Amino acid sequence: MRIPKLLLETWKRTGKQSLSVALAWAIAFAPAVATAQEKSPEQKAASTSQLPAPVSKPLTNAEGGAAKLERPGGPQEGIKVHGHWVLEVRNPDGSLASRSEFENALVPTTGTNLLAALLTRGVSFGWFEIQIGDTSPSNGPCVQIAGGVNHSVNCRILETVSNPAGCPASTFASCNLASTTQPGPAGTVQVQLKGWTVPVDHAATITMVSTISSSCDPITAPDKACNPQGGGSIYVSPFTSATISVPVVKDQVITVTVTFSFS
């Protein structure tokens, strides 16, 4: 090994007794000194202004396979509520006048608020209702008699449980809506609503359909009807809705099947 000039000068100044110290210094630092002497000024400047590039290594799981990186909170797609509608318009003799299939959308405010209240036991679910007609009920295809005067209104299909005293005959509402569960794809469960309207009163165009949810105070059991007479409350809110364009004429009946799925 060639002894650097700096080491020789140190030996002359300190004497032989310092030779062991100088040799130790040479062994430890000579490679670094030699390397520094070989770098050009440009290389020296570059080495002080840049951090070493990090060495990336693939993450592995406990079994030695590649680990999948995920964002905190799990998948980011969110939970979706799907509502598939089948709407059939039938003539008085039962023949099919028209058939429509379409998807609805969850009402952004009231629909999401209902789900949040149910999941936190803020309310107890009461019943479903389907409304068919127009965003302006005065353009609806059914009629309500008030004070001896006919008023155009939207047609309504109710569950029987919506009225503890029973469902009276009405010119605009029927009480045959059934809500059931059924198997869905990949082991999921779907909720299905099915019913039909009273015969429509006059020719009109259906431009809006919606599902309405009624919920009770949380003290009411889920299998019981809401009882406002007993001091409880009923909360009515739109759940899903869709915009369509389906013409109807007097005495036709509208049958509806709505299937909710979740993903």
C-alpha atoms as a PDB file:
ATOM      1  CA  MET A   1       0.000   0.000   0.000  1.00  0.00           C
ATOM      2  CA  ARG A   2       1.372   3.412  -0.945  1.00  0.00           C
ATOM      3  CA  ILE A   3       1.551   5.760   2.071  1.00  0.00           C
ATOM      4  CA  PRO A   4      -0.027   9.131   1.311  1.00  0.00           C
ATOM      5  CA  LYS A   5       2.048  12.294   1.518  1.00  0.00           C
ATOM      6  CA  LEU A   6      -0.045  13.538   4.427  1.00  0.00           C
ATOM      7  CA  LEU A   7       0.863  10.426   6.430  1.00  0.00           C
ATOM      8  CA  LEU A   8       4.624  10.952   5.861  1.00  0.00           C
ATOM      9  CA  GLU A   9       4.413  14.563   7.041  1.00  0.00           C
ATOM     10  CA  THR A  10       2.556  13.425  10.150  1.00  0.00           C
ATOM     11  CA  TRP A  11       5.272  10.833  10.861  1.00  0.00           C
ATOM     12  CA  LYS A  12       8.042  13.454  10.644  1.00  0.00           C
ATOM     13  CA  ARG A  13       6.239  15.805  13.063  1.00  0.00           C
ATOM     14  CA  THR A  14       5.163  13.297  15.665  1.00  0.00           C
ATOM     15  CA  GLY A  15       7.961  10.786  15.545  1.00  0.00           C
ATOM     16  CA  LYS A  16       7.968   7.035  15.461  1.00  0.00           C
ATOM     17  CA  GLN A  17       5.879   6.795  18.607  1.00  0.00           C
ATOM     18  CA  SER A  18       2.937   8.057  16.576  1.00  0.00           C
ATOM     19  CA  LEU A  19       3.482   5.607  13.760  1.00  0.00           C
ATOM     20  CA  SER A  20       0.884   3.173  15.074  1.00  0.00           C
ATOM     21  CA  VAL A  21      -1.721   5.928  15.243  1.00  0.00           C
ATOM     22  CA  ALA A  22      -0.881   7.114  11.751  1.00  0.00           C
ATOM     23  CA  LEU A  23      -1.044   3.615  10.343  1.00  0.00           C
ATOM     24  CA  ALA A  24      -4.483   3.101  11.899  1.00  0.00           C
ATOM     25  CA  TRP A  25      -5.613   6.377  10.357  1.00  0.00           C
ATOM     26  CA  ALA A  26      -4.288   5.292   6.971  1.00  0.00           C
ATOM     27  CA  ILE A  27      -6.022   1.914   7.047  1.00  0.00           C
ATOM     28  CA  ALA A  28      -9.360   3.451   7.988  1.00  0.00           C
ATOM     29  CA  PHE A  29      -9.442   6.468   5.722  1.00  0.00           C
ATOM     30  CA  ALA A  30      -7.026   5.918   2.881  1.00  0.00           C
ATOM     31  CA  PRO A  31      -9.653   4.391   0.518  1.00  0.00           C
ATOM     32  CA  ALA A  32     -11.981   7.350   1.080  1.00  0.00           C
ATOM     33  CA  VAL A  33      -9.145   9.839   0.601  1.00  0.00           C
ATOM     34  CA  ALA A  34      -8.028   8.143  -2.607  1.00  0.00           C
ATOM     35  CA  THR A  35     -11.559   8.171  -3.948  1.00  0.00           C
ATOM     36  CA  ALA A  36     -12.044  11.843  -3.115  1.00  0.00           C
ATOM     37  CA  GLN A  37      -8.745  12.699  -4.873  1.00  0.00           C
ATOM     38  CA  GLU A  38      -9.840  10.890  -8.020  1.00  0.00           C
ATOM     39  CA  LYS A  39     -13.194  12.823  -8.364  1.00  0.00           C
ATOM     40  CA  SER A  40     -13.367  15.831 -10.581  1.00  0.00           C
ATOM     41  CA  PRO A  41     -14.639  19.191  -9.191  1.00  0.00           C
ATOM     42  CA  GLU A  42     -17.900  18.673 -11.080  1.00  0.00           C
ATOM     43  CA  GLN A  43     -18.385  15.253  -9.490  1.00  0.00           C
ATOM     44  CA  LYS A  44     -17.692  16.680  -6.034  1.00  0.00           C
ATOM     45  CA  ALA A  45     -20.345  19.339  -6.528  1.00  0.00           C
ATOM     46  CA  ALA A  46     -22.846  16.783  -7.732  1.00  0.00           C
ATOM     47  CA  SER A  47     -22.258  14.482  -4.777  1.00  0.00           C
ATOM     48  CA  THR A  48     -23.128  17.213  -2.273  1.00  0.00           C
ATOM     49  CA  SER A  49     -26.355  18.378  -3.981  1.00  0.00           C
ATOM     50  CA  GLN A  50     -28.116  15.053  -4.628  1.00  0.00           C
ATOM     51  CA  LEU A  51     -29.452  12.479  -2.207  1.00  0.00           C
ATOM     52  CA  PRO A  52     -28.774   8.827  -2.943  1.00  0.00           C
ATOM     53  CA  ALA A  53     -31.546   7.200  -4.933  1.00  0.00           C
ATOM     54  CA  PRO A  54     -33.650   4.973  -2.670  1.00  0.00           C
ATOM     55  CA  VAL A  55     -33.507   1.261  -3.277  1.00  0.00           C
ATOM     56  CA  SER A  56     -37.055  -0.021  -3.826  1.00  0.00           C
ATOM     57  CA  LYS A  57     -37.894  -3.562  -2.815  1.00  0.00           C
ATOM     58  CA  PRO A  58     -41.178  -5.310  -3.538  1.00  0.00           C
ATOM     59  CA  LEU A  59     -43.386  -5.847  -0.518  1.00  0.00           C
ATOM     60  CA  THR A  60     -44.111  -9.453   0.288  1.00  0.00           C
ATOM     61  CA  ASN A  61     -46.733 -11.065   2.440  1.00  0.00           C
ATOM     62  CA  ALA A  62     -46.187 -13.715   5.092  1.00  0.00           C
ATOM     63  CA  GLU A  63     -46.245 -16.474   2.483  1.00  0.00           C
ATOM     64  CA  GLY A  64     -43.581 -14.879   0.331  1.00  0.00           C
ATOM     65  CA  GLY A  65     -45.919 -13.638  -2.382  1.00  0.00           C
ATOM     66  CA  ALA A  66     -46.222 -10.081  -3.592  1.00  0.00           C
ATOM     67  CA  ALA A  67     -48.306  -7.928  -1.268  1.00  0.00           C
ATOM     68  CA  LYS A  68     -51.094  -5.782  -2.741  1.00  0.00           C
ATOM     69  CA  LEU A  69     -51.046  -2.127  -1.752  1.00  0.00           C
ATOM     70  CA  GLU A  70     -54.454  -0.769  -0.687  1.00  0.00           C
ATOM     71  CA  ARG A  71     -55.593   2.697   0.279  1.00  0.00           C
ATOM     72  CA  PRO A  72     -56.732   3.164   3.885  1.00  0.00           C
ATOM     73  CA  GLY A  73     -60.408   2.416   4.301  1.00  0.00           C
ATOM     74  CA  GLY A  74     -60.606  -0.419   1.793  1.00  0.00           C
ATOM     75  CA  PRO A  75     -62.064  -0.228  -1.726  1.00  0.00           C
ATOM     76  CA  GLN A  76     -63.074   3.248  -2.845  1.00  0.00           C
ATOM     77  CA  GLU A  77     -65.999   2.367  -5.129  1.00  0.00           C
ATOM     78  CA  GLY A  78     -68.593   2.898  -2.405  1.00  0.00           C
ATOM     79  CA  ILE A  79     -71.892   1.141  -1.664  1.00  0.00           C
ATOM     80  CA  LYS A  80     -74.510   1.326  -4.399  1.00  0.00           C
ATOM     81  CA  VAL A  81     -78.267   0.810  -4.309  1.00  0.00           C
ATOM     82  CA  HIS A  82     -79.745  -0.467  -7.570  1.00  0.00           C
ATOM     83  CA  GLY A  83     -83.455  -0.355  -8.357  1.00  0.00           C
ATOM     84  CA  HIS A  84     -84.730  -2.180 -11.440  1.00  0.00           C
ATOM     85  CA  TRP A  85     -88.288  -1.362 -12.508  1.00  0.00           C
ATOM     86  CA  VAL A  86     -90.686  -3.283 -14.708  1.00  0.00           C
ATOM     87  CA  LEU A  87     -93.781  -1.191 -15.464  1.00  0.00           C
ATOM     88  CA  GLU A  88     -96.678  -2.689 -17.425  1.00  0.00           C
ATOM     89  CA  VAL A  89     -99.794  -0.871 -18.561  1.00  0.00           C
ATOM     90  CA  ARG A  90    -102.778  -3.203 -18.997  1.00  0.00           C
ATOM     91  CA  ASN A  91    -106.137  -2.632 -20.668  1.00  0.00           C
ATOM     92  CA  PRO A  92    -109.454  -3.344 -18.874  1.00  0.00           C
ATOM     93  CA  ASP A  93    -109.567  -6.794 -20.501  1.00  0.00           C
ATOM     94  CA  GLY A  94    -106.114  -7.647 -19.107  1.00  0.00           C
ATOM     95  CA  SER A  95    -104.215  -7.336 -22.394  1.00  0.00           C
ATOM     96  CA  LEU A  96    -100.815  -5.652 -22.366  1.00  0.00           C
ATOM     97  CA  ALA A  97    -100.757  -2.094 -23.719  1.00  0.00           C
ATOM     98  CA  SER A  98     -97.078  -1.312 -23.005  1.00  0.00           C
ATOM     99  CA  ARG A  99     -94.109  -2.561 -21.028  1.00  0.00           C
ATOM    100  CA  SER A 100     -91.102  -0.554 -19.809  1.00  0.00           C
ATOM    101  CA  GLU A 101     -87.904  -1.544 -17.975  1.00  0.00           C
ATOM    102  CA  PHE A 102     -85.562   1.010 -16.456  1.00  0.00           C
ATOM    103  CA  GLU A 103     -83.289   1.760 -13.528  1.00  0.00           C
ATOM    104  CA  ASN A 104     -83.919   4.269 -10.770  1.00  0.00           C
ATOM    105  CA  ALA A 105     -81.600   6.385  -8.646  1.00  0.00           C
ATOM    106  CA  LEU A 106     -81.321   6.734  -4.881  1.00  0.00           C
ATOM    107  CA  VAL A 107     -82.635  10.143  -3.814  1.00  0.00           C
ATOM    108  CA  PRO A 108     -79.399  11.867  -2.667  1.00  0.00           C
ATOM    109  CA  THR A 109     -80.703  13.447   0.552  1.00  0.00           C
ATOM    110  CA  THR A 110     -83.726  11.614   1.933  1.00  0.00           C
ATOM    111  CA  GLY A 111     -82.677   8.207   0.593  1.00  0.00           C
ATOM    112  CA  THR A 112     -79.221   8.302   2.163  1.00  0.00           C
ATOM    113  CA  ASN A 113     -80.608   9.808   5.380  1.00  0.00           C
ATOM    114  CA  LEU A 114     -83.010   6.882   5.713  1.00  0.00           C
ATOM    115  CA  LEU A 115     -80.223   4.317   5.339  1.00  0.00           C
ATOM    116  CA  ALA A 116     -78.098   6.119   7.922  1.00  0.00           C
ATOM    117  CA  ALA A 117     -81.014   6.329  10.392  1.00  0.00           C
ATOM    118  CA  LEU A 118     -81.833   2.625   9.990  1.00  0.00           C
ATOM    119  CA  LEU A 119     -78.217   1.526  10.463  1.00  0.00           C
ATOM    120  CA  THR A 120     -77.879   3.586  13.660  1.00  0.00           C
ATOM    121  CA  ARG A 121     -81.301   2.575  15.075  1.00  0.00           C
ATOM    122  CA  GLY A 122     -82.537   6.144  14.738  1.00  0.00           C
ATOM    123  CA  VAL A 123     -85.824   4.910  13.271  1.00  0.00           C
ATOM    124  CA  SER A 124     -87.734   1.663  12.851  1.00  0.00           C
ATOM    125  CA  PHE A 125     -88.788   0.897   9.280  1.00  0.00           C
ATOM    126  CA  GLY A 126     -92.530   1.143   8.657  1.00  0.00           C
ATOM    127  CA  TRP A 127     -93.590   0.416   5.077  1.00  0.00           C
ATOM    128  CA  PHE A 128     -93.027   1.135   1.403  1.00  0.00           C
ATOM    129  CA  GLU A 129     -95.244   3.014  -0.990  1.00  0.00           C
ATOM    130  CA  ILE A 130     -95.012   3.501  -4.764  1.00  0.00           C
ATOM    131  CA  GLN A 131     -96.161   6.685  -6.456  1.00  0.00           C
ATOM    132  CA  ILE A 132     -96.811   6.913 -10.198  1.00  0.00           C
ATOM    133  CA  GLY A 133     -97.630  10.094 -12.055  1.00  0.00           C
ATOM    134  CA  ASP A 134     -95.905  13.442 -12.370  1.00  0.00           C
ATOM    135  CA  THR A 135     -93.624  15.677 -10.324  1.00  0.00           C
ATOM    136  CA  SER A 136     -96.655  17.959 -10.176  1.00  0.00           C
ATOM    137  CA  PRO A 137     -99.408  15.755  -8.638  1.00  0.00           C
ATOM    138  CA  SER A 138    -102.095  17.906 -10.268  1.00  0.00           C
ATOM    139  CA  ASN A 139    -101.064  16.261 -13.565  1.00  0.00           C
ATOM    140  CA  GLY A 140    -101.377  12.724 -12.204  1.00  0.00           C
ATOM    141  CA  PRO A 141    -103.569  10.067 -13.881  1.00  0.00           C
ATOM    142  CA  CYS A 142    -105.688   9.255 -10.797  1.00  0.00           C
ATOM    143  CA  VAL A 143    -108.334  11.376  -9.092  1.00  0.00           C
ATOM    144  CA  GLN A 144    -109.139  12.371  -5.523  1.00  0.00           C
ATOM    145  CA  ILE A 145    -112.572  13.645  -4.564  1.00  0.00           C
ATOM    146  CA  ALA A 146    -112.479  16.457  -2.029  1.00  0.00           C
ATOM    147  CA  GLY A 147    -115.475  18.594  -1.204  1.00  0.00           C
ATOM    148  CA  GLY A 148    -117.415  17.068  -4.055  1.00  0.00           C
ATOM    149  CA  VAL A 149    -114.714  18.189  -6.550  1.00  0.00           C
ATOM    150  CA  ASN A 150    -112.396  15.880  -8.510  1.00  0.00           C
ATOM    151  CA  HIS A 151    -108.681  16.662  -8.259  1.00  0.00           C
ATOM    152  CA  SER A 152    -106.064  14.980 -10.439  1.00  0.00           C
ATOM    153  CA  VAL A 153    -103.409  13.291  -8.261  1.00  0.00           C
ATOM    154  CA  ASN A 154    -100.688  10.692  -8.589  1.00  0.00           C
ATOM    155  CA  CYS A 155    -101.641   7.032  -8.271  1.00  0.00           C
ATOM    156  CA  ARG A 156    -100.385   5.317  -5.111  1.00  0.00           C
ATOM    157  CA  ILE A 157     -99.736   1.677  -4.231  1.00  0.00           C
ATOM    158  CA  LEU A 158     -99.502   1.002  -0.483  1.00  0.00           C
ATOM    159  CA  GLU A 159     -98.611  -1.911   1.746  1.00  0.00           C
ATOM    160  CA  THR A 160    -101.537  -3.092   3.883  1.00  0.00           C
ATOM    161  CA  VAL A 161     -99.525  -2.469   7.063  1.00  0.00           C
ATOM    162  CA  SER A 162     -99.541   1.246   6.248  1.00  0.00           C
ATOM    163  CA  ASN A 163    -102.976   1.544   7.863  1.00  0.00           C
ATOM    164  CA  PRO A 164    -103.522  -0.369  11.144  1.00  0.00           C
ATOM    165  CA  ALA A 165    -107.295  -0.086  10.632  1.00  0.00           C
ATOM    166  CA  GLY A 166    -107.120  -1.669   7.194  1.00  0.00           C
ATOM    167  CA  CYS A 167    -106.938  -0.217   3.716  1.00  0.00           C
ATOM    168  CA  PRO A 168    -110.170   1.473   2.639  1.00  0.00           C
ATOM    169  CA  ALA A 169    -111.295   1.652  -0.979  1.00  0.00           C
ATOM    170  CA  SER A 170    -109.909   4.721  -2.714  1.00  0.00           C
ATOM    171  CA  THR A 171    -110.116   6.398  -6.079  1.00  0.00           C
ATOM    172  CA  PHE A 172    -106.341   6.963  -6.176  1.00  0.00           C
ATOM    173  CA  ALA A 173    -104.683   4.406  -3.858  1.00  0.00           C
ATOM    174  CA  SER A 174    -104.584   0.613  -3.781  1.00  0.00           C
ATOM    175  CA  CYS A 175    -103.297  -1.478  -0.871  1.00  0.00           C
ATOM    176  CA  ASN A 176    -101.846  -4.538  -2.600  1.00  0.00           C
ATOM    177  CA  LEU A 177     -98.127  -3.725  -2.494  1.00  0.00           C
ATOM    178  CA  ALA A 178     -96.102  -6.739  -1.337  1.00  0.00           C
ATOM    179  CA  SER A 179     -92.471  -6.509  -0.168  1.00  0.00           C
ATOM    180  CA  THR A 180     -90.417  -9.707  -0.169  1.00  0.00           C
ATOM    181  CA  THR A 181     -86.794 -10.830  -0.231  1.00  0.00           C
ATOM    182  CA  GLN A 182     -85.301 -13.130  -2.825  1.00  0.00           C
ATOM    183  CA  PRO A 183     -81.873 -14.572  -3.652  1.00  0.00           C
ATOM    184  CA  GLY A 184     -79.617 -12.404  -5.783  1.00  0.00           C
ATOM    185  CA  PRO A 185     -76.407 -13.132  -7.715  1.00  0.00           C
ATOM    186  CA  ALA A 186     -73.271 -14.321  -5.913  1.00  0.00           C
ATOM    187  CA  GLY A 187     -75.099 -15.103  -2.676  1.00  0.00           C
ATOM    188  CA  THR A 188     -76.631 -11.631  -2.255  1.00  0.00           C
ATOM    189  CA  VAL A 189     -80.195 -10.833  -1.182  1.00  0.00           C
ATOM    190  CA  GLN A 190     -82.604  -8.599  -3.093  1.00  0.00           C
ATOM    191  CA  VAL A 191     -85.738  -6.767  -1.971  1.00  0.00           C
ATOM    192  CA  GLN A 192     -88.719  -6.818  -4.328  1.00  0.00           C
ATOM    193  CA  LEU A 193     -91.834  -4.628  -4.327  1.00  0.00           C
ATOM    194  CA  LYS A 194     -94.801  -5.671  -6.430  1.00  0.00           C
ATOM    195  CA  GLY A 195     -98.326  -4.278  -6.868  1.00  0.00           C
ATOM    196  CA  TRP A 196    -100.806  -2.526  -9.162  1.00  0.00           C
ATOM    197  CA  THR A 197    -102.777   0.696  -9.244  1.00  0.00           C
ATOM    198  CA  VAL A 198    -106.501   1.354  -9.266  1.00  0.00           C
ATOM    199  CA  PRO A 199    -107.833   1.995 -12.800  1.00  0.00           C
ATOM    200  CA  VAL A 200    -106.587   5.404 -13.938  1.00  0.00           C
ATOM    201  CA  ASP A 201    -109.231   8.123 -14.167  1.00  0.00           C
ATOM    202  CA  HIS A 202    -108.216   9.924 -17.330  1.00  0.00           C
ATOM    203  CA  ALA A 203    -105.637  10.051 -20.114  1.00  0.00           C
ATOM    204  CA  ALA A 204    -102.233  11.299 -18.963  1.00  0.00           C
ATOM    205  CA  THR A 205     -98.512  10.745 -19.390  1.00  0.00           C
ATOM    206  CA  ILE A 206     -96.531   9.189 -16.568  1.00  0.00           C
ATOM    207  CA  THR A 207     -93.294  11.161 -16.234  1.00  0.00           C
ATOM    208  CA  MET A 208     -92.211  10.188 -12.717  1.00  0.00           C
ATOM    209  CA  VAL A 209     -92.178   7.072 -10.537  1.00  0.00           C
ATOM    210  CA  SER A 210     -90.823   6.841  -7.010  1.00  0.00           C
ATOM    211  CA  THR A 211     -90.620   4.614  -3.970  1.00  0.00           C
ATOM    212  CA  ILE A 212     -91.580   6.268  -0.704  1.00  0.00           C
ATOM    213  CA  SER A 213     -90.458   4.970   2.689  1.00  0.00           C
ATOM    214  CA  SER A 214     -92.298   5.513   5.932  1.00  0.00           C
ATOM    215  CA  SER A 215     -90.470   4.959   9.189  1.00  0.00           C
ATOM    216  CA  CYS A 216     -91.467   5.056  12.866  1.00  0.00           C
ATOM    217  CA  ASP A 217     -89.936   6.106  16.136  1.00  0.00           C
ATOM    218  CA  PRO A 218     -87.241   3.598  17.186  1.00  0.00           C
ATOM    219  CA  ILE A 219     -89.449   2.360  20.054  1.00  0.00           C
ATOM    220  CA  THR A 220     -91.769   0.731  17.483  1.00  0.00           C
ATOM    221  CA  ALA A 221     -90.946  -2.878  16.656  1.00  0.00           C
ATOM    222  CA  PRO A 222     -90.046  -3.439  12.974  1.00  0.00           C
ATOM    223  CA  ASP A 223     -92.956  -5.876  12.501  1.00  0.00           C
ATOM    224  CA  LYS A 224     -95.541  -3.403  13.842  1.00  0.00           C
ATOM    225  CA  ALA A 225     -97.289  -0.507  12.128  1.00  0.00           C
ATOM    226  CA  CYS A 226     -96.505   3.035  13.217  1.00  0.00           C
ATOM    227  CA  ASN A 227     -98.995   4.325  15.766  1.00  0.00           C
ATOM    228  CA  PRO A 228     -99.106   8.131  15.825  1.00  0.00           C
ATOM    229  CA  GLN A 229    -102.218   7.973  18.033  1.00  0.00           C
ATOM    230  CA  GLY A 230    -100.056   6.492  20.762  1.00  0.00           C
ATOM    231  CA  GLY A 231     -97.720   9.477  20.751  1.00  0.00           C
ATOM    232  CA  GLY A 232     -95.328   8.157  18.106  1.00  0.00           C
ATOM    233  CA  SER A 233     -94.306   9.791  14.852  1.00  0.00           C
ATOM    234  CA  ILE A 234     -94.233   8.763  11.196  1.00  0.00           C
ATOM    235  CA  TYR A 235     -91.426   9.951   8.940  1.00  0.00           C
ATOM    236  CA  VAL A 236     -92.177   9.889   5.211  1.00  0.00           C
ATOM    237  CA  SER A 237     -89.347  10.347   2.728  1.00  0.00           C
ATOM    238  CA  PRO A 238     -88.652   9.573  -0.963  1.00  0.00           C
ATOM    239  CA  PHE A 239     -86.238   6.660  -1.286  1.00  0.00           C
ATOM    240  CA  THR A 240     -85.671   6.216  -5.044  1.00  0.00           C
ATOM    241  CA  SER A 241     -87.062   7.876  -8.171  1.00  0.00           C
ATOM    242  CA  ALA A 242     -86.849   7.786 -11.963  1.00  0.00           C
ATOM    243  CA  THR A 243     -88.011   9.934 -14.876  1.00  0.00           C
ATOM    244  CA  ILE A 244     -89.892   8.201 -17.700  1.00  0.00           C
ATOM    245  CA  SER A 245     -92.508   8.928 -20.355  1.00  0.00           C
ATOM    246  CA  VAL A 246     -95.377   6.411 -20.575  1.00  0.00           C
ATOM    247  CA  PRO A 247     -98.866   7.370 -21.820  1.00  0.00           C
ATOM    248  CA  VAL A 248    -102.003   5.889 -20.214  1.00  0.00           C
ATOM    249  CA  VAL A 249    -105.724   6.200 -20.929  1.00  0.00           C
ATOM    250  CA  LYS A 250    -108.850   5.905 -18.814  1.00  0.00           C
ATOM    251  CA  ASP A 251    -109.482   2.587 -17.026  1.00  0.00           C
ATOM    252  CA  GLN A 252    -106.024   1.145 -17.679  1.00  0.00           C
ATOM    253  CA  VAL A 253    -104.200  -0.447 -14.740  1.00  0.00           C
ATOM    254  CA  ILE A 254    -100.471  -0.062 -14.092  1.00  0.00           C
ATOM    255  CA  THR A 255     -98.582  -3.005 -12.589  1.00  0.00           C
ATOM    256  CA  VAL A 256     -95.165  -2.390 -11.058  1.00  0.00           C
ATOM    257  CA  THR A 257     -92.263  -4.596  -9.954  1.00  0.00           C
ATOM    258  CA  VAL A 258     -89.265  -2.937  -8.316  1.00  0.00           C
ATOM    259  CA  THR A 259     -86.205  -5.009  -7.408  1.00  0.00           C
ATOM    260  CA  PHE A 260     -83.586  -3.486  -5.099  1.00  0.00           C
ATOM    261  CA  SER A 261     -80.069  -4.893  -5.045  1.00  0.00           C
ATOM    262  CA  PHE A 262     -76.945  -3.706  -3.273  1.00  0.00           C
ATOM    263  CA  SER A 263     -73.276  -3.773  -4.253  1.00  0.00           C
END
